[in-house]
N, C-alpha and C. Protein backbone atom coordinates (compact mmCIF):
# COMPACT_ATOMS: atom_id res chain seq x y z
N UNK A 1 30.68 -12.92 -3.70
CA UNK A 1 31.94 -12.40 -3.23
C UNK A 1 32.74 -13.54 -2.61
N UNK A 2 34.02 -13.50 -2.84
CA UNK A 2 34.93 -14.52 -2.31
C UNK A 2 35.80 -13.91 -1.21
N UNK A 3 36.39 -14.75 -0.34
CA UNK A 3 37.37 -14.20 0.61
C UNK A 3 38.56 -13.64 -0.17
N UNK A 4 39.17 -12.58 0.35
CA UNK A 4 40.36 -12.05 -0.29
C UNK A 4 41.50 -13.06 -0.19
N UNK A 5 42.43 -12.99 -1.12
CA UNK A 5 43.52 -13.96 -1.18
C UNK A 5 44.35 -13.99 0.10
N UNK A 6 44.43 -12.87 0.81
CA UNK A 6 45.22 -12.79 2.03
C UNK A 6 44.40 -13.02 3.30
N UNK A 7 43.18 -13.56 3.17
CA UNK A 7 42.32 -13.76 4.34
C UNK A 7 42.88 -14.85 5.25
N UNK A 8 42.97 -14.56 6.56
CA UNK A 8 43.43 -15.58 7.50
C UNK A 8 42.34 -16.63 7.73
N UNK A 9 42.74 -17.74 8.30
CA UNK A 9 41.79 -18.79 8.66
C UNK A 9 40.91 -18.31 9.81
N UNK A 10 39.76 -18.95 9.98
CA UNK A 10 38.90 -18.64 11.12
C UNK A 10 39.65 -18.96 12.41
N UNK A 11 39.48 -18.10 13.41
CA UNK A 11 40.22 -18.27 14.66
C UNK A 11 39.34 -18.58 15.85
N UNK A 12 38.03 -18.50 15.70
CA UNK A 12 37.13 -18.78 16.81
C UNK A 12 36.79 -20.26 16.77
N UNK A 13 37.27 -21.04 17.73
CA UNK A 13 37.03 -22.48 17.71
C UNK A 13 35.55 -22.81 17.68
N UNK A 14 35.19 -23.75 16.84
CA UNK A 14 33.82 -24.22 16.78
C UNK A 14 32.85 -23.36 16.00
N UNK A 15 33.33 -22.26 15.43
CA UNK A 15 32.39 -21.42 14.68
C UNK A 15 32.06 -22.10 13.36
N UNK A 16 30.79 -22.06 13.01
CA UNK A 16 30.32 -22.66 11.77
C UNK A 16 29.89 -21.53 10.84
N UNK A 17 30.42 -21.53 9.65
CA UNK A 17 30.08 -20.49 8.69
C UNK A 17 28.68 -20.72 8.13
N UNK A 18 27.96 -19.64 7.83
CA UNK A 18 26.60 -19.78 7.27
C UNK A 18 26.61 -20.54 5.94
N UNK A 19 25.44 -21.00 5.56
CA UNK A 19 25.28 -21.79 4.33
C UNK A 19 25.60 -20.98 3.07
N UNK A 20 25.44 -19.66 3.13
CA UNK A 20 25.75 -18.81 1.98
C UNK A 20 26.08 -17.41 2.48
N UNK A 21 26.76 -16.65 1.61
CA UNK A 21 27.06 -15.24 1.90
C UNK A 21 25.88 -14.42 1.39
N UNK A 22 25.23 -13.71 2.31
CA UNK A 22 24.06 -12.93 1.89
C UNK A 22 24.49 -11.75 1.03
N UNK A 23 23.83 -11.64 -0.12
CA UNK A 23 23.98 -10.49 -1.00
C UNK A 23 22.59 -9.89 -1.17
N UNK A 24 22.38 -8.67 -0.66
CA UNK A 24 21.06 -8.06 -0.74
C UNK A 24 20.53 -8.03 -2.18
N UNK A 25 19.28 -8.45 -2.33
CA UNK A 25 18.65 -8.47 -3.64
C UNK A 25 18.99 -9.69 -4.48
N UNK A 26 19.89 -10.53 -3.98
CA UNK A 26 20.31 -11.71 -4.74
C UNK A 26 19.97 -13.00 -4.00
N UNK A 27 20.28 -13.06 -2.71
CA UNK A 27 20.04 -14.26 -1.92
C UNK A 27 18.90 -14.00 -0.93
N UNK A 28 18.29 -15.06 -0.40
CA UNK A 28 17.23 -14.86 0.59
C UNK A 28 17.77 -14.09 1.81
N UNK A 29 16.99 -13.12 2.29
CA UNK A 29 17.41 -12.37 3.47
C UNK A 29 17.58 -13.36 4.62
N UNK A 30 18.73 -13.36 5.27
CA UNK A 30 19.00 -14.37 6.29
C UNK A 30 17.98 -14.43 7.43
N UNK A 31 17.40 -13.30 7.80
CA UNK A 31 16.51 -13.26 8.95
C UNK A 31 15.03 -13.25 8.57
N UNK A 32 14.67 -12.49 7.56
CA UNK A 32 13.24 -12.29 7.27
C UNK A 32 12.66 -13.30 6.27
N UNK A 33 13.50 -13.94 5.49
CA UNK A 33 13.01 -14.96 4.56
C UNK A 33 12.92 -16.31 5.27
N UNK A 34 11.86 -17.08 5.02
CA UNK A 34 11.80 -18.41 5.62
C UNK A 34 12.94 -19.31 5.15
N UNK A 35 13.55 -18.98 4.00
CA UNK A 35 14.68 -19.75 3.49
C UNK A 35 16.02 -19.19 3.95
N UNK A 36 16.00 -18.15 4.75
CA UNK A 36 17.24 -17.51 5.21
C UNK A 36 18.03 -18.39 6.16
N UNK A 37 19.34 -18.27 6.10
CA UNK A 37 20.18 -19.12 6.95
C UNK A 37 20.10 -18.75 8.43
N UNK A 38 19.45 -17.63 8.77
CA UNK A 38 19.25 -17.25 10.18
C UNK A 38 17.76 -17.11 10.51
N UNK A 39 16.91 -17.68 9.67
CA UNK A 39 15.46 -17.60 9.90
C UNK A 39 15.13 -18.20 11.26
N UNK A 40 14.39 -17.44 12.05
CA UNK A 40 13.99 -17.93 13.36
C UNK A 40 15.04 -17.81 14.44
N UNK A 41 16.22 -17.32 14.10
CA UNK A 41 17.30 -17.16 15.08
C UNK A 41 17.27 -15.71 15.58
N UNK A 42 17.37 -15.54 16.88
CA UNK A 42 17.34 -14.20 17.46
C UNK A 42 18.57 -13.40 17.03
N UNK A 43 18.42 -12.08 17.04
CA UNK A 43 19.56 -11.21 16.74
C UNK A 43 20.64 -11.45 17.79
N UNK A 44 21.91 -11.27 17.40
CA UNK A 44 22.98 -11.49 18.37
C UNK A 44 22.88 -10.51 19.55
N UNK A 45 23.18 -11.01 20.73
CA UNK A 45 23.30 -10.15 21.91
C UNK A 45 24.65 -10.44 22.53
N UNK A 46 25.19 -9.46 23.21
CA UNK A 46 26.52 -9.64 23.77
C UNK A 46 26.77 -8.65 24.90
N UNK A 47 27.88 -8.84 25.58
CA UNK A 47 28.35 -7.88 26.58
C UNK A 47 29.03 -6.73 25.85
N UNK A 48 29.24 -5.63 26.54
CA UNK A 48 29.98 -4.51 25.96
C UNK A 48 31.37 -4.98 25.55
N UNK A 49 31.85 -4.46 24.44
CA UNK A 49 33.18 -4.78 23.93
C UNK A 49 34.15 -3.74 24.47
N UNK A 50 35.24 -4.21 25.09
CA UNK A 50 36.22 -3.30 25.69
C UNK A 50 37.63 -3.66 25.27
N UNK A 51 38.56 -2.78 25.61
CA UNK A 51 39.96 -3.05 25.30
C UNK A 51 40.50 -4.19 26.17
N UNK A 52 39.75 -4.61 27.16
CA UNK A 52 40.19 -5.71 28.03
C UNK A 52 39.57 -7.05 27.66
N UNK A 53 38.35 -7.05 27.14
CA UNK A 53 37.69 -8.34 26.89
C UNK A 53 37.67 -8.77 25.42
N UNK A 54 38.22 -7.96 24.51
CA UNK A 54 38.10 -8.31 23.10
C UNK A 54 38.69 -9.66 22.73
N UNK A 55 39.80 -10.13 23.38
CA UNK A 55 40.32 -11.43 22.95
C UNK A 55 39.35 -12.59 23.18
N UNK A 56 38.43 -12.43 24.15
CA UNK A 56 37.49 -13.51 24.44
C UNK A 56 36.04 -13.14 24.11
N UNK A 57 35.83 -12.01 23.49
CA UNK A 57 34.48 -11.53 23.15
C UNK A 57 34.01 -12.27 21.89
N UNK A 58 33.13 -13.24 22.08
CA UNK A 58 32.74 -14.12 20.97
C UNK A 58 32.04 -13.40 19.84
N UNK A 59 31.21 -12.43 20.14
CA UNK A 59 30.49 -11.71 19.09
C UNK A 59 31.48 -10.93 18.22
N UNK A 60 32.44 -10.26 18.84
CA UNK A 60 33.48 -9.52 18.12
C UNK A 60 34.29 -10.47 17.25
N UNK A 61 34.77 -11.57 17.86
CA UNK A 61 35.64 -12.50 17.14
C UNK A 61 34.89 -13.22 16.02
N UNK A 62 33.63 -13.56 16.25
CA UNK A 62 32.86 -14.19 15.17
C UNK A 62 32.68 -13.21 14.02
N UNK A 63 32.42 -11.95 14.33
CA UNK A 63 32.32 -10.93 13.28
C UNK A 63 33.59 -10.83 12.47
N UNK A 64 34.74 -10.90 13.14
CA UNK A 64 36.03 -10.84 12.43
C UNK A 64 36.18 -12.05 11.51
N UNK A 65 35.88 -13.24 12.02
CA UNK A 65 35.97 -14.45 11.19
C UNK A 65 35.03 -14.36 9.99
N UNK A 66 33.80 -13.94 10.22
CA UNK A 66 32.84 -13.83 9.13
C UNK A 66 33.32 -12.81 8.09
N UNK A 67 33.78 -11.66 8.55
CA UNK A 67 34.28 -10.63 7.64
C UNK A 67 35.45 -11.16 6.80
N UNK A 68 36.41 -11.79 7.46
CA UNK A 68 37.59 -12.28 6.74
C UNK A 68 37.25 -13.37 5.73
N UNK A 69 36.14 -14.05 5.92
CA UNK A 69 35.72 -15.08 4.96
C UNK A 69 34.67 -14.54 3.99
N UNK A 70 34.54 -13.21 3.92
CA UNK A 70 33.68 -12.50 2.97
C UNK A 70 32.19 -12.66 3.25
N UNK A 71 31.85 -12.92 4.49
CA UNK A 71 30.45 -12.90 4.92
C UNK A 71 30.21 -11.50 5.49
N UNK A 72 30.19 -10.51 4.61
CA UNK A 72 30.14 -9.11 5.04
C UNK A 72 28.84 -8.75 5.75
N UNK A 73 27.71 -9.17 5.22
CA UNK A 73 26.43 -8.86 5.87
C UNK A 73 26.37 -9.53 7.23
N UNK A 74 26.82 -10.77 7.30
CA UNK A 74 26.77 -11.53 8.55
C UNK A 74 27.71 -10.93 9.60
N UNK A 75 28.88 -10.45 9.17
CA UNK A 75 29.81 -9.79 10.09
C UNK A 75 29.17 -8.53 10.65
N UNK A 76 28.55 -7.77 9.77
CA UNK A 76 27.87 -6.54 10.17
C UNK A 76 26.83 -6.82 11.26
N UNK A 77 26.08 -7.91 11.12
CA UNK A 77 25.08 -8.29 12.12
C UNK A 77 25.72 -8.51 13.49
N UNK A 78 26.85 -9.21 13.52
CA UNK A 78 27.53 -9.47 14.79
C UNK A 78 28.03 -8.17 15.40
N UNK A 79 28.73 -7.38 14.60
CA UNK A 79 29.33 -6.14 15.11
C UNK A 79 28.28 -5.14 15.56
N UNK A 80 27.14 -5.14 14.90
CA UNK A 80 26.10 -4.18 15.28
C UNK A 80 25.62 -4.41 16.70
N UNK A 81 25.59 -5.67 17.14
CA UNK A 81 25.18 -5.96 18.52
C UNK A 81 26.14 -5.29 19.51
N UNK A 82 27.44 -5.34 19.23
CA UNK A 82 28.43 -4.69 20.10
C UNK A 82 28.38 -3.17 19.94
N UNK A 83 28.18 -2.70 18.72
CA UNK A 83 28.14 -1.26 18.46
C UNK A 83 27.01 -0.59 19.24
N UNK A 84 25.85 -1.25 19.33
CA UNK A 84 24.72 -0.67 20.06
C UNK A 84 25.06 -0.39 21.52
N UNK A 85 26.00 -1.14 22.09
CA UNK A 85 26.39 -0.97 23.49
C UNK A 85 27.58 -0.03 23.67
N UNK A 86 28.22 0.35 22.58
CA UNK A 86 29.42 1.19 22.66
C UNK A 86 29.05 2.64 22.95
N UNK A 87 29.96 3.34 23.61
CA UNK A 87 29.76 4.76 23.90
C UNK A 87 30.02 5.58 22.65
N UNK A 88 29.03 6.33 22.16
CA UNK A 88 29.23 7.14 20.95
C UNK A 88 30.44 8.06 21.09
N UNK A 89 31.19 8.17 20.01
CA UNK A 89 32.35 9.06 19.98
C UNK A 89 33.62 8.45 20.54
N UNK A 90 33.54 7.26 21.12
CA UNK A 90 34.73 6.61 21.67
C UNK A 90 35.34 5.67 20.61
N UNK A 91 36.59 5.26 20.85
CA UNK A 91 37.31 4.44 19.87
C UNK A 91 36.56 3.17 19.48
N UNK A 92 35.98 2.47 20.45
CA UNK A 92 35.27 1.23 20.14
C UNK A 92 34.10 1.49 19.20
N UNK A 93 33.33 2.53 19.47
CA UNK A 93 32.19 2.86 18.60
C UNK A 93 32.66 3.23 17.20
N UNK A 94 33.72 4.03 17.12
CA UNK A 94 34.24 4.41 15.80
C UNK A 94 34.76 3.19 15.03
N UNK A 95 35.49 2.31 15.71
CA UNK A 95 36.02 1.13 15.02
C UNK A 95 34.87 0.25 14.51
N UNK A 96 33.91 -0.03 15.38
CA UNK A 96 32.80 -0.88 14.96
C UNK A 96 31.99 -0.25 13.83
N UNK A 97 31.68 1.04 13.95
CA UNK A 97 30.92 1.71 12.89
C UNK A 97 31.71 1.71 11.59
N UNK A 98 33.01 1.96 11.68
CA UNK A 98 33.84 1.94 10.48
C UNK A 98 33.86 0.58 9.81
N UNK A 99 33.99 -0.48 10.60
CA UNK A 99 34.02 -1.83 10.02
C UNK A 99 32.65 -2.23 9.47
N UNK A 100 31.58 -1.83 10.15
CA UNK A 100 30.23 -2.10 9.64
C UNK A 100 30.04 -1.42 8.29
N UNK A 101 30.45 -0.16 8.19
CA UNK A 101 30.29 0.56 6.93
C UNK A 101 31.24 0.05 5.85
N UNK A 102 32.44 -0.39 6.23
CA UNK A 102 33.34 -1.01 5.26
C UNK A 102 32.71 -2.29 4.72
N UNK A 103 32.11 -3.09 5.60
CA UNK A 103 31.43 -4.32 5.14
C UNK A 103 30.34 -4.00 4.13
N UNK A 104 29.56 -2.97 4.41
CA UNK A 104 28.50 -2.56 3.48
C UNK A 104 29.10 -2.04 2.17
N UNK A 105 30.21 -1.30 2.27
CA UNK A 105 30.88 -0.80 1.06
C UNK A 105 31.37 -1.96 0.20
N UNK A 106 31.88 -3.01 0.83
CA UNK A 106 32.34 -4.18 0.08
C UNK A 106 31.18 -4.89 -0.62
N UNK A 107 30.03 -4.94 0.04
CA UNK A 107 28.85 -5.51 -0.63
C UNK A 107 28.46 -4.68 -1.84
N UNK A 108 28.46 -3.37 -1.70
CA UNK A 108 28.14 -2.49 -2.84
C UNK A 108 29.17 -2.66 -3.95
N UNK A 109 30.43 -2.78 -3.59
CA UNK A 109 31.52 -3.00 -4.55
C UNK A 109 31.28 -4.29 -5.32
N UNK A 110 30.92 -5.35 -4.59
CA UNK A 110 30.69 -6.64 -5.24
C UNK A 110 29.48 -6.59 -6.17
N UNK A 111 28.50 -5.74 -5.85
CA UNK A 111 27.32 -5.59 -6.69
C UNK A 111 27.53 -4.62 -7.85
N UNK A 112 28.70 -3.98 -7.91
CA UNK A 112 28.98 -3.03 -8.98
C UNK A 112 28.40 -1.65 -8.75
N UNK A 113 28.02 -1.35 -7.52
CA UNK A 113 27.42 -0.06 -7.19
C UNK A 113 28.52 0.88 -6.68
N UNK A 114 29.20 1.54 -7.63
CA UNK A 114 30.33 2.40 -7.28
C UNK A 114 29.91 3.57 -6.40
N UNK A 115 28.78 4.19 -6.70
CA UNK A 115 28.33 5.34 -5.91
C UNK A 115 28.05 4.92 -4.46
N UNK A 116 27.35 3.81 -4.28
CA UNK A 116 27.08 3.30 -2.94
C UNK A 116 28.36 2.93 -2.21
N UNK A 117 29.27 2.28 -2.93
CA UNK A 117 30.56 1.91 -2.35
C UNK A 117 31.32 3.14 -1.90
N UNK A 118 31.40 4.14 -2.78
CA UNK A 118 32.16 5.36 -2.45
C UNK A 118 31.60 6.07 -1.23
N UNK A 119 30.28 6.22 -1.17
CA UNK A 119 29.66 6.91 -0.03
C UNK A 119 29.88 6.17 1.28
N UNK A 120 29.69 4.86 1.25
CA UNK A 120 29.90 4.07 2.47
C UNK A 120 31.36 4.05 2.88
N UNK A 121 32.27 3.92 1.91
CA UNK A 121 33.69 3.90 2.26
C UNK A 121 34.13 5.26 2.81
N UNK A 122 33.61 6.33 2.27
CA UNK A 122 33.96 7.67 2.79
C UNK A 122 33.56 7.78 4.27
N UNK A 123 32.35 7.33 4.61
CA UNK A 123 31.89 7.37 6.00
C UNK A 123 32.71 6.41 6.87
N UNK A 124 32.98 5.22 6.34
CA UNK A 124 33.76 4.24 7.09
C UNK A 124 35.15 4.78 7.39
N UNK A 125 35.78 5.36 6.39
CA UNK A 125 37.14 5.90 6.56
C UNK A 125 37.15 6.98 7.65
N UNK A 126 36.14 7.84 7.67
CA UNK A 126 36.07 8.88 8.72
C UNK A 126 36.02 8.26 10.11
N UNK A 127 35.22 7.23 10.27
CA UNK A 127 35.14 6.56 11.58
C UNK A 127 36.46 5.87 11.92
N UNK A 128 37.05 5.19 10.98
CA UNK A 128 38.30 4.49 11.26
C UNK A 128 39.42 5.47 11.58
N UNK A 129 39.46 6.58 10.89
CA UNK A 129 40.50 7.58 11.16
C UNK A 129 40.27 8.29 12.49
N UNK A 130 39.05 8.23 13.02
CA UNK A 130 38.76 8.85 14.32
C UNK A 130 39.22 7.99 15.50
N UNK A 131 39.61 6.74 15.24
CA UNK A 131 40.12 5.88 16.31
C UNK A 131 41.48 6.43 16.73
N UNK A 132 41.62 6.77 18.01
CA UNK A 132 42.84 7.46 18.46
C UNK A 132 44.05 6.55 18.61
N UNK A 133 43.83 5.26 18.76
CA UNK A 133 44.95 4.30 18.86
C UNK A 133 45.18 3.68 17.48
N UNK A 134 46.44 3.50 17.13
CA UNK A 134 46.73 2.85 15.84
C UNK A 134 46.26 1.40 15.85
N UNK A 135 46.37 0.76 16.99
CA UNK A 135 45.89 -0.61 17.15
C UNK A 135 44.81 -0.57 18.22
N UNK A 136 43.62 -1.04 17.87
CA UNK A 136 42.53 -1.04 18.84
C UNK A 136 41.75 -2.33 18.71
N UNK A 137 41.49 -2.97 19.82
CA UNK A 137 40.76 -4.24 19.88
C UNK A 137 41.43 -5.29 18.99
N UNK A 138 42.76 -5.22 18.93
CA UNK A 138 43.53 -6.18 18.14
C UNK A 138 43.68 -5.84 16.68
N UNK A 139 43.11 -4.72 16.24
CA UNK A 139 43.10 -4.35 14.82
C UNK A 139 44.13 -3.27 14.53
N UNK A 140 44.91 -3.48 13.49
CA UNK A 140 45.80 -2.44 12.97
C UNK A 140 44.94 -1.53 12.10
N UNK A 141 44.42 -0.48 12.71
CA UNK A 141 43.42 0.37 12.06
C UNK A 141 43.97 1.06 10.81
N UNK A 142 45.17 1.69 10.86
CA UNK A 142 45.67 2.32 9.63
C UNK A 142 45.86 1.33 8.48
N UNK A 143 46.21 0.09 8.79
CA UNK A 143 46.39 -0.92 7.73
C UNK A 143 45.07 -1.22 7.03
N UNK A 144 43.98 -1.29 7.78
CA UNK A 144 42.67 -1.53 7.16
C UNK A 144 42.33 -0.38 6.20
N UNK A 145 42.56 0.86 6.65
CA UNK A 145 42.26 2.02 5.81
C UNK A 145 43.11 1.99 4.54
N UNK A 146 44.41 1.76 4.70
CA UNK A 146 45.32 1.72 3.55
C UNK A 146 44.93 0.60 2.59
N UNK A 147 44.64 -0.58 3.12
CA UNK A 147 44.30 -1.73 2.27
C UNK A 147 42.98 -1.52 1.53
N UNK A 148 41.99 -0.92 2.19
CA UNK A 148 40.72 -0.66 1.51
C UNK A 148 40.89 0.42 0.45
N UNK A 149 41.63 1.49 0.78
CA UNK A 149 41.90 2.53 -0.23
C UNK A 149 42.56 1.91 -1.47
N UNK A 150 43.55 1.05 -1.23
CA UNK A 150 44.28 0.41 -2.33
C UNK A 150 43.37 -0.52 -3.14
N UNK A 151 42.54 -1.30 -2.46
CA UNK A 151 41.62 -2.20 -3.15
C UNK A 151 40.69 -1.42 -4.07
N UNK A 152 40.07 -0.38 -3.55
CA UNK A 152 39.11 0.39 -4.34
C UNK A 152 39.79 1.20 -5.44
N UNK A 153 41.04 1.58 -5.23
CA UNK A 153 41.78 2.29 -6.28
C UNK A 153 42.13 1.34 -7.42
N UNK A 154 42.63 0.16 -7.08
CA UNK A 154 43.06 -0.80 -8.10
C UNK A 154 41.90 -1.53 -8.76
N UNK A 155 40.83 -1.70 -8.03
CA UNK A 155 39.67 -2.46 -8.53
C UNK A 155 38.40 -1.64 -8.27
N UNK A 156 38.11 -0.66 -9.12
CA UNK A 156 36.91 0.17 -8.91
C UNK A 156 35.63 -0.66 -8.87
N UNK A 157 35.63 -1.78 -9.58
CA UNK A 157 34.51 -2.72 -9.51
C UNK A 157 35.07 -4.09 -9.15
N UNK A 158 34.21 -4.92 -8.62
CA UNK A 158 34.60 -6.26 -8.20
C UNK A 158 35.11 -7.06 -9.41
N UNK A 159 36.31 -7.64 -9.30
CA UNK A 159 36.84 -8.41 -10.43
C UNK A 159 36.19 -9.79 -10.54
N UNK A 160 36.50 -10.47 -11.61
CA UNK A 160 36.02 -11.83 -11.78
C UNK A 160 36.76 -12.74 -10.80
N UNK A 161 36.16 -13.89 -10.43
CA UNK A 161 36.80 -14.77 -9.46
C UNK A 161 38.21 -15.21 -9.84
N UNK A 162 38.51 -15.34 -11.14
CA UNK A 162 39.85 -15.78 -11.53
C UNK A 162 40.90 -14.69 -11.34
N UNK A 163 40.49 -13.47 -11.07
CA UNK A 163 41.43 -12.37 -10.84
C UNK A 163 41.19 -11.75 -9.46
N UNK A 164 40.75 -12.58 -8.52
CA UNK A 164 40.38 -12.05 -7.20
C UNK A 164 41.60 -11.48 -6.48
N UNK A 165 41.44 -10.33 -5.85
CA UNK A 165 42.59 -9.64 -5.25
C UNK A 165 42.80 -9.95 -3.77
N UNK A 166 43.90 -9.39 -3.27
CA UNK A 166 44.09 -9.30 -1.83
C UNK A 166 43.29 -8.08 -1.39
N UNK A 167 42.92 -8.03 -0.12
CA UNK A 167 42.08 -6.92 0.31
C UNK A 167 42.23 -6.58 1.78
N UNK A 168 41.33 -5.74 2.28
CA UNK A 168 41.41 -5.25 3.65
C UNK A 168 40.91 -6.27 4.67
N UNK A 169 41.77 -7.21 5.04
CA UNK A 169 41.40 -8.23 6.02
C UNK A 169 41.84 -7.79 7.41
N UNK A 170 41.29 -8.45 8.42
CA UNK A 170 41.61 -8.12 9.81
C UNK A 170 42.51 -9.22 10.36
N UNK A 171 43.75 -8.87 10.63
CA UNK A 171 44.70 -9.77 11.27
C UNK A 171 44.75 -9.37 12.74
N UNK A 172 44.01 -10.08 13.59
CA UNK A 172 43.96 -9.70 15.00
C UNK A 172 45.29 -9.98 15.69
N UNK A 173 45.74 -9.01 16.47
CA UNK A 173 46.88 -9.22 17.36
C UNK A 173 46.36 -10.05 18.54
N UNK A 174 47.23 -10.48 19.39
CA UNK A 174 46.81 -11.22 20.57
C UNK A 174 46.97 -10.37 21.81
N UNK A 175 46.08 -10.55 22.78
CA UNK A 175 46.20 -9.88 24.06
C UNK A 175 45.28 -8.69 24.19
N UNK A 176 44.99 -8.31 25.44
CA UNK A 176 44.08 -7.19 25.68
C UNK A 176 44.75 -5.84 25.52
N UNK A 177 43.91 -4.84 25.37
CA UNK A 177 44.39 -3.46 25.38
C UNK A 177 44.98 -3.01 24.08
N UNK A 178 45.23 -1.72 23.97
CA UNK A 178 45.86 -1.21 22.76
C UNK A 178 47.31 -1.65 22.69
N UNK A 179 47.79 -1.87 21.50
CA UNK A 179 49.20 -2.21 21.28
C UNK A 179 49.90 -0.91 20.99
N UNK A 180 50.92 -0.63 21.70
CA UNK A 180 51.61 0.66 21.53
C UNK A 180 52.91 0.48 20.78
């Protein structure tokens, strides 16, 4: 999988991208394989993610950078650390769960697994639509939903690299709190 054509540059200073984008069943598992790019590295840990600390929350921001550069599995790993600390049913939990499931849907899409993609995207969309603020943690939530719907409608399966599309990237706003 490649980054979408409209992917922004990495914004977290000093972040180093992994040696490869993990694709389940294709590349060595990053954590459990001795050849994995995260072999021997502990799972990410972080503070709770809030509407006040997201601009400086390194785990959140690294997940965004990884996602935007098409490291979907790796982004999911970062976000899951924050999701575990989120209050179920609240906007932060819904946003993180939605983005985690969108990342998994994109992996299924890239592998040509339409059924897996559809099921994961359906669940992701439900979580993203449950976010009560249009902008939360710097994310324009309706734009992500619209862009993913459009990507999957126009490209039911992952295209060849020479026809790579624009897609559902995260353009973070600046500053704490919801943008009204």
